[in-house]
Amino acid sequence: MRVRDWGALFEDRTAVPVAQVPGAGAAGGFAAPFVALGIGGIRSGADEIAALIGFDAAVADSDIVVVGEGSLDAQSLQGKGPIALARRAADAGAFVVALCGRSTLTEDELAASGISRIDTLLDRAASPAEAFDDAARVLALAAEHVFADLPLVLEAPKRP
């Protein structure tokens, strides 16, 4: 059976359009049989983990929250953990910093995701090979760069 037939099979047998369920993927994904049979549902993994670890309480009084990811890109905006947590932290009033290998997100996408400042290993390394092969050192450079003037930024008057 082809993957794209998975959702259609369940819809034909149960009249539940699993491929149309948000978060299920184009063919219904792993959750398709559970959703189709009415014995399961789809919830955000990031939200579930955040609840399990008490994320909201942990960031309630935080000034700065740092998220990290290998690559921040269009897929990240579809519910991946770092963006979901960045949004939650920003909603709680924290200044959110992202450190990642690379980013293809625009400034507007970052801002909409709650990220106030970002730096990438590719920005700090001489080459992609250096970013990969010497990641710990390059990550330290990225962190140093992103945090260098952060006290001044945080103390600056907020724009109306």
Protein backbone atom coordinates (compact mmCIF):
# COMPACT_ATOMS: atom_id res chain seq x y z
CA MET A 1 0.00 0.00 0.00
CA ARG A 2 1.25 3.45 -0.87
CA VAL A 3 1.44 6.04 1.86
CA ARG A 4 -0.99 8.39 0.15
CA ASP A 5 -3.62 5.61 0.13
CA TRP A 6 -3.47 5.24 3.93
CA GLY A 7 -5.82 8.14 4.69
CA ALA A 8 -8.15 7.19 1.83
CA LEU A 9 -8.42 3.62 3.11
CA PHE A 10 -9.57 4.76 6.54
CA GLU A 11 -11.90 7.36 5.09
CA ASP A 12 -13.51 4.73 2.83
CA ARG A 13 -13.98 2.32 5.74
CA THR A 14 -14.95 4.72 8.53
CA ALA A 15 -16.11 7.93 6.77
CA VAL A 16 -13.56 9.86 8.88
CA PRO A 17 -11.38 12.11 6.66
CA VAL A 18 -8.18 11.47 8.61
CA ALA A 19 -6.01 13.11 5.96
CA GLN A 20 -7.85 16.37 6.67
CA VAL A 21 -7.29 16.28 10.43
CA PRO A 22 -4.85 19.05 11.45
CA GLY A 23 -1.51 17.53 12.39
CA ALA A 24 -2.25 14.21 10.73
CA GLY A 25 -0.16 14.77 7.62
CA ALA A 26 -1.29 14.36 4.03
CA ALA A 27 -2.05 10.66 4.36
CA GLY A 28 -3.17 10.57 7.98
CA GLY A 29 0.16 9.43 9.36
CA PHE A 30 0.68 7.14 12.32
CA ALA A 31 -2.41 8.46 14.07
CA ALA A 32 -4.79 7.64 11.20
CA PRO A 33 -6.18 4.36 12.54
CA PHE A 34 -6.65 5.76 16.04
CA VAL A 35 -8.44 8.86 14.76
CA ALA A 36 -10.53 6.90 12.26
CA LEU A 37 -11.69 4.42 14.91
CA GLY A 38 -12.37 7.20 17.41
CA ILE A 39 -9.92 5.83 19.98
CA GLY A 40 -7.31 8.54 19.74
CA GLY A 41 -6.57 12.05 18.65
CA ILE A 42 -3.78 14.33 17.64
CA ARG A 43 -2.27 16.86 20.00
CA SER A 44 0.80 19.02 19.75
CA GLY A 45 3.84 17.13 20.98
CA ALA A 46 5.46 20.40 22.00
CA ASP A 47 2.41 21.33 24.07
CA GLU A 48 2.35 17.91 25.72
CA ILE A 49 6.04 18.05 26.62
CA ALA A 50 5.69 21.64 27.86
CA ALA A 51 2.88 20.54 30.16
CA LEU A 52 4.79 17.49 31.39
CA ILE A 53 7.89 19.47 32.33
CA GLY A 54 6.04 22.49 33.70
CA PHE A 55 7.45 24.83 31.07
CA ASP A 56 4.94 27.64 31.58
CA ALA A 57 5.61 27.80 35.32
CA ALA A 58 9.37 27.64 34.71
CA VAL A 59 9.35 30.65 32.39
CA ALA A 60 6.71 32.67 34.23
CA ASP A 61 9.37 34.79 35.95
CA SER A 62 12.13 34.40 33.37
CA ASP A 63 13.64 37.39 31.64
CA ILE A 64 15.43 35.39 28.92
CA VAL A 65 14.68 32.03 27.34
CA VAL A 66 17.08 30.37 24.90
CA VAL A 67 15.85 27.89 22.28
CA GLY A 68 18.02 25.88 19.95
CA GLU A 69 17.63 23.90 16.76
CA GLY A 70 19.80 22.51 14.01
CA SER A 71 17.87 24.39 11.35
CA LEU A 72 15.13 26.95 11.80
CA ASP A 73 13.15 26.86 8.58
CA ALA A 74 9.63 26.63 7.17
CA GLN A 75 9.13 23.21 8.78
CA SER A 76 9.95 24.73 12.16
CA LEU A 77 6.89 26.97 11.80
CA GLN A 78 4.63 23.92 11.52
CA GLY A 79 4.76 23.11 15.23
CA LYS A 80 8.31 22.01 15.98
CA GLY A 81 9.34 22.26 19.61
CA PRO A 82 11.73 25.25 19.53
CA ILE A 83 9.19 27.53 17.84
CA ALA A 84 6.31 26.31 20.02
CA LEU A 85 8.37 26.96 23.14
CA ALA A 86 9.60 30.33 21.84
CA ARG A 87 5.99 31.44 21.33
CA ARG A 88 5.01 30.28 24.83
CA ALA A 89 8.00 32.03 26.39
CA ALA A 90 7.35 35.27 24.49
CA ASP A 91 3.69 35.15 25.52
CA ALA A 92 4.91 34.90 29.13
CA GLY A 93 6.95 38.09 28.61
CA ALA A 94 10.40 36.56 28.19
CA PHE A 95 12.98 37.83 25.72
CA VAL A 96 13.61 34.83 23.45
CA VAL A 97 16.99 34.07 21.93
CA ALA A 98 17.54 31.36 19.33
CA LEU A 99 20.89 29.66 18.76
CA CYS A 100 20.90 27.30 15.82
CA GLY A 101 22.98 25.76 13.11
CA ARG A 102 21.29 27.77 10.40
CA SER A 103 18.12 29.73 9.80
CA THR A 104 16.18 30.45 6.64
CA LEU A 105 13.39 32.29 8.48
CA THR A 106 12.76 35.94 7.74
CA GLU A 107 12.83 38.63 10.42
CA ASP A 108 9.02 38.75 10.28
CA GLU A 109 8.75 34.97 10.73
CA LEU A 110 11.15 35.07 13.66
CA ALA A 111 9.24 37.93 15.29
CA ALA A 112 5.90 36.16 14.77
CA SER A 113 7.46 33.12 16.45
CA GLY A 114 8.41 35.16 19.50
CA ILE A 115 12.14 35.16 18.75
CA SER A 116 13.74 38.51 19.52
CA ARG A 117 17.33 37.67 18.70
CA ILE A 118 19.06 34.89 16.74
CA ASP A 119 22.53 33.78 15.83
CA THR A 120 23.65 30.77 13.84
CA LEU A 121 26.73 28.63 13.64
CA LEU A 122 26.91 29.35 9.91
CA ASP A 123 27.10 33.07 10.74
CA ARG A 124 30.10 32.50 13.01
CA ALA A 125 32.00 29.75 11.15
CA ALA A 126 34.33 30.23 8.21
CA SER A 127 32.57 27.39 6.40
CA PRO A 128 29.75 24.87 6.86
CA ALA A 129 32.41 22.21 7.47
CA GLU A 130 33.86 24.25 10.34
CA ALA A 131 30.38 24.79 11.80
CA PHE A 132 29.82 21.03 11.78
CA ASP A 133 33.28 19.81 12.73
CA ASP A 134 33.92 22.35 15.48
CA ALA A 135 30.33 22.93 16.60
CA ALA A 136 31.04 23.41 20.32
CA ARG A 137 33.54 26.21 19.71
CA VAL A 138 31.40 27.86 17.04
CA LEU A 139 28.30 27.63 19.25
CA ALA A 140 30.22 29.43 21.99
CA LEU A 141 31.07 32.19 19.49
CA ALA A 142 27.43 32.47 18.45
CA ALA A 143 26.30 32.66 22.08
CA GLU A 144 28.95 35.28 22.87
CA HIS A 145 27.81 37.35 19.90
CA VAL A 146 24.10 37.15 20.66
CA PHE A 147 24.53 37.93 24.37
CA ALA A 148 27.29 40.59 24.09
CA ASP A 149 25.00 43.60 24.32
CA LEU A 150 21.88 41.92 25.66
CA PRO A 151 21.84 43.82 28.99
CA LEU A 152 21.67 47.08 27.02
CA VAL A 153 18.89 45.72 24.83
CA LEU A 154 16.84 44.53 27.79
CA GLU A 155 17.24 47.84 29.62
CA ALA A 156 16.28 49.95 26.59
CA PRO A 157 12.84 51.59 26.74
CA LYS A 158 10.17 49.50 25.04
CA ARG A 159 8.62 50.90 21.89
CA PRO A 160 4.90 51.69 22.17
